[in-house]
PDB file of N, CA and C in Angstrom:
ATOM      1  N   UNK A   1     -26.193  93.971-132.877  1.00  0.00           N
ATOM      2  CA  UNK A   1     -24.746  94.095-133.983  1.00  0.00           C
ATOM      3  C   UNK A   1     -24.063  95.094-133.422  1.00  0.00           C
ATOM      4  N   UNK A   2     -23.003  95.100-132.803  1.00  0.00           N
ATOM      5  CA  UNK A   2     -21.301  95.281-132.247  1.00  0.00           C
ATOM      6  C   UNK A   2     -21.724  96.504-132.743  1.00  0.00           C
ATOM      7  N   UNK A   3     -21.150  97.419-132.614  1.00  0.00           N
ATOM      8  CA  UNK A   3     -20.539  99.040-133.300  1.00  0.00           C
ATOM      9  C   UNK A   3     -19.119  98.573-134.311  1.00  0.00           C
ATOM     10  N   UNK A   4     -18.886  97.727-134.255  1.00  0.00           N
ATOM     11  CA  UNK A   4     -17.585  97.496-135.168  1.00  0.00           C
ATOM     12  C   UNK A   4     -18.099  97.056-136.282  1.00  0.00           C
ATOM     13  N   UNK A   5     -19.651  95.988-136.334  1.00  0.00           N
ATOM     14  CA  UNK A   5     -19.782  95.309-137.226  1.00  0.00           C
ATOM     15  C   UNK A   5     -21.194  96.444-138.540  1.00  0.00           C
ATOM     16  N   UNK A   6     -21.028  97.636-137.770  1.00  0.00           N
ATOM     17  CA  UNK A   6     -22.696  98.089-137.814  1.00  0.00           C
ATOM     18  C   UNK A   6     -21.108  99.386-138.729  1.00  0.00           C
ATOM     19  N   UNK A   7     -20.260  99.691-138.481  1.00  0.00           N
ATOM     20  CA  UNK A   7     -18.916 100.369-138.675  1.00  0.00           C
ATOM     21  C   UNK A   7     -18.642  99.119-140.082  1.00  0.00           C
ATOM     22  N   UNK A   8     -18.485  98.036-140.003  1.00  0.00           N
ATOM     23  CA  UNK A   8     -17.994  97.370-141.233  1.00  0.00           C
ATOM     24  C   UNK A   8     -19.120  97.554-142.568  1.00  0.00           C
ATOM     25  N   UNK A   9     -20.302  97.261-141.687  1.00  0.00           N
ATOM     26  CA  UNK A   9     -21.960  97.184-142.399  1.00  0.00           C
ATOM     27  C   UNK A   9     -21.276  98.052-143.593  1.00  0.00           C
ATOM     28  N   UNK A  10     -21.386  99.869-142.461  1.00  0.00           N
ATOM     29  CA  UNK A  10     -22.296 101.371-143.240  1.00  0.00           C
ATOM     30  C   UNK A  10     -20.708 101.044-144.056  1.00  0.00           C
ATOM     31  N   UNK A  11     -19.241 101.084-143.823  1.00  0.00           N
ATOM     32  CA  UNK A  11     -18.645 101.097-144.442  1.00  0.00           C
ATOM     33  C   UNK A  11     -18.812  99.821-146.173  1.00  0.00           C
ATOM     34  N   UNK A  12     -19.411  99.103-145.971  1.00  0.00           N
ATOM     35  CA  UNK A  12     -18.944  98.381-147.123  1.00  0.00           C
ATOM     36  C   UNK A  12     -20.203  99.085-148.153  1.00  0.00           C
ATOM     37  N   UNK A  13     -21.238  99.390-147.362  1.00  0.00           N
ATOM     38  CA  UNK A  13     -22.764  99.957-148.488  1.00  0.00           C
ATOM     39  C   UNK A  13     -23.035 101.303-148.242  1.00  0.00           C
ATOM     40  N   UNK A  14     -21.389 102.261-148.238  1.00  0.00           N
ATOM     41  CA  UNK A  14     -21.683 103.919-148.174  1.00  0.00           C
ATOM     42  C   UNK A  14     -20.045 104.943-148.697  1.00  0.00           C
ATOM     43  N   UNK A  15     -19.511 103.722-147.826  1.00  0.00           N
ATOM     44  CA  UNK A  15     -17.938 104.027-149.168  1.00  0.00           C
ATOM     45  C   UNK A  15     -17.281 103.049-149.485  1.00  0.00           C
ATOM     46  N   UNK A  16     -17.823 101.675-149.641  1.00  0.00           N
ATOM     47  CA  UNK A  16     -16.690 101.098-150.098  1.00  0.00           C
ATOM     48  C   UNK A  16     -17.167 101.740-151.645  1.00  0.00           C
ATOM     49  N   UNK A  17     -18.479 101.616-151.673  1.00  0.00           N
ATOM     50  CA  UNK A  17     -19.272 101.906-153.589  1.00  0.00           C
ATOM     51  C   UNK A  17     -18.344 103.808-154.443  1.00  0.00           C
ATOM     52  N   UNK A  18     -17.993 104.500-153.166  1.00  0.00           N
ATOM     53  CA  UNK A  18     -17.251 105.787-153.607  1.00  0.00           C
ATOM     54  C   UNK A  18     -15.588 105.483-154.102  1.00  0.00           C
ATOM     55  N   UNK A  19     -15.353 104.174-152.467  1.00  0.00           N
ATOM     56  CA  UNK A  19     -13.782 104.785-153.356  1.00  0.00           C
ATOM     57  C   UNK A  19     -13.460 103.224-154.494  1.00  0.00           C
ATOM     58  N   UNK A  20     -14.590 102.708-154.655  1.00  0.00           N
ATOM     59  CA  UNK A  20     -14.747 101.592-155.891  1.00  0.00           C
ATOM     60  C   UNK A  20     -14.427 101.670-157.238  1.00  0.00           C
ATOM     61  N   UNK A  21     -15.096 103.338-157.450  1.00  0.00           N
ATOM     62  CA  UNK A  21     -14.476 104.109-158.620  1.00  0.00           C
ATOM     63  C   UNK A  21     -13.737 104.411-158.891  1.00  0.00           C
ATOM     64  N   UNK A  22     -12.898 104.790-157.847  1.00  0.00           N
ATOM     65  CA  UNK A  22     -11.494 105.508-158.039  1.00  0.00           C
ATOM     66  C   UNK A  22     -11.170 103.884-158.384  1.00  0.00           C
ATOM     67  N   UNK A  23     -10.925 102.884-158.218  1.00  0.00           N
ATOM     68  CA  UNK A  23      -9.973 101.818-158.286  1.00  0.00           C
ATOM     69  C   UNK A  23      -8.836 101.817-157.049  1.00  0.00           C
ATOM     70  N   UNK A  24      -9.913 101.671-155.878  1.00  0.00           N
ATOM     71  CA  UNK A  24      -9.309 101.413-154.375  1.00  0.00           C
ATOM     72  C   UNK A  24     -10.807 100.582-153.554  1.00  0.00           C
ATOM     73  N   UNK A  25      -9.843 100.932-152.495  1.00  0.00           N
ATOM     74  CA  UNK A  25     -10.449 100.164-151.722  1.00  0.00           C
ATOM     75  C   UNK A  25     -10.416 100.018-150.388  1.00  0.00           C
ATOM     76  N   UNK A  26     -11.213  99.805-149.239  1.00  0.00           N
ATOM     77  CA  UNK A  26     -11.248 100.375-148.152  1.00  0.00           C
ATOM     78  C   UNK A  26     -11.381  99.471-147.121  1.00  0.00           C
ATOM     79  N   UNK A  27     -10.865  98.874-146.080  1.00  0.00           N
ATOM     80  CA  UNK A  27     -11.006  98.260-145.368  1.00  0.00           C
ATOM     81  C   UNK A  27     -10.755  98.399-143.826  1.00  0.00           C
ATOM     82  N   UNK A  28     -11.168  97.744-143.428  1.00  0.00           N
ATOM     83  CA  UNK A  28     -11.691  97.740-141.223  1.00  0.00           C
ATOM     84  C   UNK A  28     -11.118  97.365-140.702  1.00  0.00           C
ATOM     85  N   UNK A  29      -9.896  98.087-139.736  1.00  0.00           N
ATOM     86  CA  UNK A  29      -9.129  97.255-138.853  1.00  0.00           C
ATOM     87  C   UNK A  29      -9.555  97.307-137.758  1.00  0.00           C
ATOM     88  N   UNK A  30      -9.971  98.539-137.091  1.00  0.00           N
ATOM     89  CA  UNK A  30     -10.317  98.133-135.830  1.00  0.00           C
ATOM     90  C   UNK A  30     -11.520  99.300-135.253  1.00  0.00           C
ATOM     91  N   UNK A  31     -11.876  99.424-134.145  1.00  0.00           N
ATOM     92  CA  UNK A  31     -12.748 100.485-133.371  1.00  0.00           C
ATOM     93  C   UNK A  31     -11.951  99.666-132.027  1.00  0.00           C
ATOM     94  N   UNK A  32     -11.191 101.427-132.044  1.00  0.00           N
ATOM     95  CA  UNK A  32     -10.546 101.801-130.277  1.00  0.00           C
ATOM     96  C   UNK A  32     -10.678 102.963-129.617  1.00  0.00           C
ATOM     97  N   UNK A  33     -11.584 102.965-128.452  1.00  0.00           N
ATOM     98  CA  UNK A  33     -11.144 104.572-127.697  1.00  0.00           C
ATOM     99  C   UNK A  33     -11.403 105.400-128.375  1.00  0.00           C
ATOM    100  N   UNK A  34     -12.817 105.296-129.241  1.00  0.00           N
ATOM    101  CA  UNK A  34     -13.339 106.085-130.291  1.00  0.00           C
ATOM    102  C   UNK A  34     -13.406 106.273-131.825  1.00  0.00           C
ATOM    103  N   UNK A  35     -12.052 105.685-131.713  1.00  0.00           N
ATOM    104  CA  UNK A  35     -11.231 105.701-133.418  1.00  0.00           C
ATOM    105  C   UNK A  35     -12.085 104.987-134.704  1.00  0.00           C
ATOM    106  N   UNK A  36     -11.509 104.875-134.958  1.00  0.00           N
ATOM    107  CA  UNK A  36     -11.795 104.186-136.393  1.00  0.00           C
ATOM    108  C   UNK A  36     -11.186 103.733-136.741  1.00  0.00           C
ATOM    109  N   UNK A  37     -10.276 102.644-136.785  1.00  0.00           N
ATOM    110  CA  UNK A  37      -8.915 102.261-137.485  1.00  0.00           C
ATOM    111  C   UNK A  37      -9.190 101.685-139.101  1.00  0.00           C
ATOM    112  N   UNK A  38      -8.916 102.440-140.240  1.00  0.00           N
ATOM    113  CA  UNK A  38      -9.158 101.816-141.394  1.00  0.00           C
ATOM    114  C   UNK A  38      -8.077 101.701-142.552  1.00  0.00           C
ATOM    115  N   UNK A  39      -7.976 100.810-143.927  1.00  0.00           N
ATOM    116  CA  UNK A  39      -6.909 100.697-144.421  1.00  0.00           C
ATOM    117  C   UNK A  39      -6.858 100.746-145.755  1.00  0.00           C
ATOM    118  N   UNK A  40      -6.674 102.221-146.722  1.00  0.00           N
ATOM    119  CA  UNK A  40      -7.241 102.366-148.724  1.00  0.00           C
ATOM    120  C   UNK A  40      -5.810 101.296-149.124  1.00  0.00           C
ATOM    121  N   UNK A  41      -6.512 101.033-150.022  1.00  0.00           N
ATOM    122  CA  UNK A  41      -5.416 100.116-151.064  1.00  0.00           C
ATOM    123  C   UNK A  41      -5.901 100.302-152.153  1.00  0.00           C
ATOM    124  N   UNK A  42      -5.154  99.747-152.979  1.00  0.00           N
ATOM    125  CA  UNK A  42      -5.868  99.620-154.513  1.00  0.00           C
ATOM    126  C   UNK A  42      -4.992 101.463-155.048  1.00  0.00           C
ATOM    127  N   UNK A  43      -5.867 101.773-156.061  1.00  0.00           N
ATOM    128  CA  UNK A  43      -4.793 103.086-156.042  1.00  0.00           C
ATOM    129  C   UNK A  43      -5.415 104.034-154.620  1.00  0.00           C
ATOM    130  N   UNK A  44      -5.816 104.152-153.695  1.00  0.00           N
ATOM    131  CA  UNK A  44      -6.247 104.332-152.874  1.00  0.00           C
ATOM    132  C   UNK A  44      -4.804 104.637-152.182  1.00  0.00           C
ATOM    133  N   UNK A  45      -4.353 103.762-152.331  1.00  0.00           N
ATOM    134  CA  UNK A  45      -2.830 103.593-151.622  1.00  0.00           C
ATOM    135  C   UNK A  45      -1.884 104.767-151.639  1.00  0.00           C
ATOM    136  N   UNK A  46      -1.652 105.341-153.199  1.00  0.00           N
ATOM    137  CA  UNK A  46      -1.032 105.923-153.224  1.00  0.00           C
ATOM    138  C   UNK A  46      -0.899 106.970-154.204  1.00  0.00           C
ATOM    139  N   UNK A  47      -2.806 107.469-153.700  1.00  0.00           N
ATOM    140  CA  UNK A  47      -3.069 108.801-154.884  1.00  0.00           C
ATOM    141  C   UNK A  47      -2.593 110.148-153.370  1.00  0.00           C
ATOM    142  N   UNK A  48      -1.832 110.878-154.395  1.00  0.00           N
ATOM    143  CA  UNK A  48      -2.323 112.086-154.002  1.00  0.00           C
ATOM    144  C   UNK A  48      -3.007 113.116-152.599  1.00  0.00           C
ATOM    145  N   UNK A  49      -4.205 112.555-153.717  1.00  0.00           N
ATOM    146  CA  UNK A  49      -5.653 113.106-153.016  1.00  0.00           C
ATOM    147  C   UNK A  49      -6.498 112.053-151.919  1.00  0.00           C
ATOM    148  N   UNK A  50      -5.510 111.213-151.503  1.00  0.00           N
ATOM    149  CA  UNK A  50      -6.048 110.067-150.839  1.00  0.00           C
ATOM    150  C   UNK A  50      -6.541 111.071-148.255  1.00  0.00           C
ATOM    151  N   UNK A  51      -5.850 112.010-148.603  1.00  0.00           N
ATOM    152  CA  UNK A  51      -5.610 112.378-147.150  1.00  0.00           C
ATOM    153  C   UNK A  51      -6.556 113.359-147.231  1.00  0.00           C
ATOM    154  N   UNK A  52      -6.777 113.947-148.171  1.00  0.00           N
ATOM    155  CA  UNK A  52      -8.424 114.726-148.417  1.00  0.00           C
ATOM    156  C   UNK A  52      -9.155 114.154-148.956  1.00  0.00           C
ATOM    157  N   UNK A  53      -9.593 112.386-149.050  1.00  0.00           N
ATOM    158  CA  UNK A  53     -10.585 111.484-149.026  1.00  0.00           C
ATOM    159  C   UNK A  53     -11.111 111.032-147.943  1.00  0.00           C
ATOM    160  N   UNK A  54     -10.292 111.186-147.110  1.00  0.00           N
ATOM    161  CA  UNK A  54     -10.093 110.297-145.527  1.00  0.00           C
ATOM    162  C   UNK A  54     -10.744 111.648-145.145  1.00  0.00           C
ATOM    163  N   UNK A  55     -10.478 112.696-144.699  1.00  0.00           N
ATOM    164  CA  UNK A  55     -11.138 114.159-144.287  1.00  0.00           C
ATOM    165  C   UNK A  55     -12.319 114.941-144.672  1.00  0.00           C
ATOM    166  N   UNK A  56     -12.261 114.226-145.756  1.00  0.00           N
ATOM    167  CA  UNK A  56     -13.872 115.039-146.614  1.00  0.00           C
ATOM    168  C   UNK A  56     -15.007 114.454-147.069  1.00  0.00           C
ATOM    169  N   UNK A  57     -14.504 113.027-146.621  1.00  0.00           N
ATOM    170  CA  UNK A  57     -15.404 112.401-147.573  1.00  0.00           C
ATOM    171  C   UNK A  57     -16.052 110.995-146.434  1.00  0.00           C
ATOM    172  N   UNK A  58     -14.660 109.800-145.807  1.00  0.00           N
ATOM    173  CA  UNK A  58     -14.851 108.734-145.135  1.00  0.00           C
ATOM    174  C   UNK A  58     -14.839 108.983-144.378  1.00  0.00           C
ATOM    175  N   UNK A  59     -13.856 110.563-143.296  1.00  0.00           N
ATOM    176  CA  UNK A  59     -14.248 110.176-142.274  1.00  0.00           C
ATOM    177  C   UNK A  59     -15.712 111.065-141.566  1.00  0.00           C
ATOM    178  N   UNK A  60     -15.800 111.921-142.612  1.00  0.00           N
ATOM    179  CA  UNK A  60     -17.060 112.862-142.837  1.00  0.00           C
ATOM    180  C   UNK A  60     -18.203 112.011-142.607  1.00  0.00           C
ATOM    181  N   UNK A  61     -18.719 111.336-143.002  1.00  0.00           N
ATOM    182  CA  UNK A  61     -19.348 110.527-143.179  1.00  0.00           C
ATOM    183  C   UNK A  61     -19.472 109.442-142.091  1.00  0.00           C
ATOM    184  N   UNK A  62     -18.544 108.632-141.428  1.00  0.00           N
ATOM    185  CA  UNK A  62     -18.547 107.409-140.413  1.00  0.00           C
ATOM    186  C   UNK A  62     -18.648 108.786-138.760  1.00  0.00           C
ATOM    187  N   UNK A  63     -18.294 110.223-138.697  1.00  0.00           N
ATOM    188  CA  UNK A  63     -18.579 110.464-137.516  1.00  0.00           C
ATOM    189  C   UNK A  63     -20.336 111.315-137.338  1.00  0.00           C
ATOM    190  N   UNK A  64     -20.978 110.937-139.204  1.00  0.00           N
ATOM    191  CA  UNK A  64     -21.982 111.294-138.764  1.00  0.00           C
ATOM    192  C   UNK A  64     -23.385 111.178-138.776  1.00  0.00           C
ATOM    193  N   UNK A  65     -23.102 109.479-139.314  1.00  0.00           N
ATOM    194  CA  UNK A  65     -23.124 108.541-139.772  1.00  0.00           C
ATOM    195  C   UNK A  65     -23.392 107.108-137.872  1.00  0.00           C
ATOM    196  N   UNK A  66     -22.301 107.636-136.535  1.00  0.00           N
ATOM    197  CA  UNK A  66     -21.762 106.845-135.566  1.00  0.00           C
ATOM    198  C   UNK A  66     -21.224 108.165-135.279  1.00  0.00           C
ATOM    199  N   UNK A  67     -22.438 108.893-133.410  1.00  0.00           N
ATOM    200  CA  UNK A  67     -22.137 110.069-132.812  1.00  0.00           C
ATOM    201  C   UNK A  67     -20.161 108.811-132.097  1.00  0.00           C
ATOM    202  N   UNK A  68     -20.828 107.653-131.789  1.00  0.00           N
ATOM    203  CA  UNK A  68     -19.325 107.060-130.418  1.00  0.00           C
ATOM    204  C   UNK A  68     -18.136 107.634-131.247  1.00  0.00           C
ATOM    205  N   UNK A  69     -17.729 108.156-132.935  1.00  0.00           N
ATOM    206  CA  UNK A  69     -16.859 108.144-133.455  1.00  0.00           C
ATOM    207  C   UNK A  69     -16.658 109.372-133.097  1.00  0.00           C
ATOM    208  N   UNK A  70     -15.148 109.464-132.948  1.00  0.00           N
ATOM    209  CA  UNK A  70     -14.383 110.891-132.830  1.00  0.00           C
ATOM    210  C   UNK A  70     -13.031 111.144-133.835  1.00  0.00           C
ATOM    211  N   UNK A  71     -12.988 109.772-134.318  1.00  0.00           N
ATOM    212  CA  UNK A  71     -12.040 110.609-135.530  1.00  0.00           C
ATOM    213  C   UNK A  71     -12.356 109.326-135.728  1.00  0.00           C
ATOM    214  N   UNK A  72     -11.212 108.435-137.630  1.00  0.00           N
ATOM    215  CA  UNK A  72     -10.604 108.277-138.554  1.00  0.00           C
ATOM    216  C   UNK A  72      -9.187 107.846-138.434  1.00  0.00           C
ATOM    217  N   UNK A  73      -8.488 107.433-138.836  1.00  0.00           N
ATOM    218  CA  UNK A  73      -7.309 107.512-139.198  1.00  0.00           C
ATOM    219  C   UNK A  73      -7.043 106.685-140.361  1.00  0.00           C
ATOM    220  N   UNK A  74      -5.974 106.455-140.811  1.00  0.00           N
ATOM    221  CA  UNK A  74      -5.355 105.173-141.476  1.00  0.00           C
ATOM    222  C   UNK A  74      -4.419 104.501-140.261  1.00  0.00           C
ATOM    223  N   UNK A  75      -4.477 103.154-140.291  1.00  0.00           N
ATOM    224  CA  UNK A  75      -3.943 102.806-139.765  1.00  0.00           C
ATOM    225  C   UNK A  75      -2.400 102.148-139.938  1.00  0.00           C
ATOM    226  N   UNK A  76      -1.055 102.263-139.022  1.00  0.00           N
ATOM    227  CA  UNK A  76       0.392 101.907-140.161  1.00  0.00           C
ATOM    228  C   UNK A  76       0.230 100.866-141.068  1.00  0.00           C
TER     229      UNK A  76
END
């Protein structure tokens, strides 16, 4: 399994349930140069707390699980 597939599986199994509980969704875009690019949709796309969720929950969990990841960033 590639690192991209492992990250996607982790997002689906570990992060998505939390995001879904807030009526949002998370979508993996790509992994490049140590950066995971994601998209938040649903309620999370317009929530003012989404940046806090990104840094304190999503990025922290991904970096803890995958030492190859240096940063998690919202895709433009």
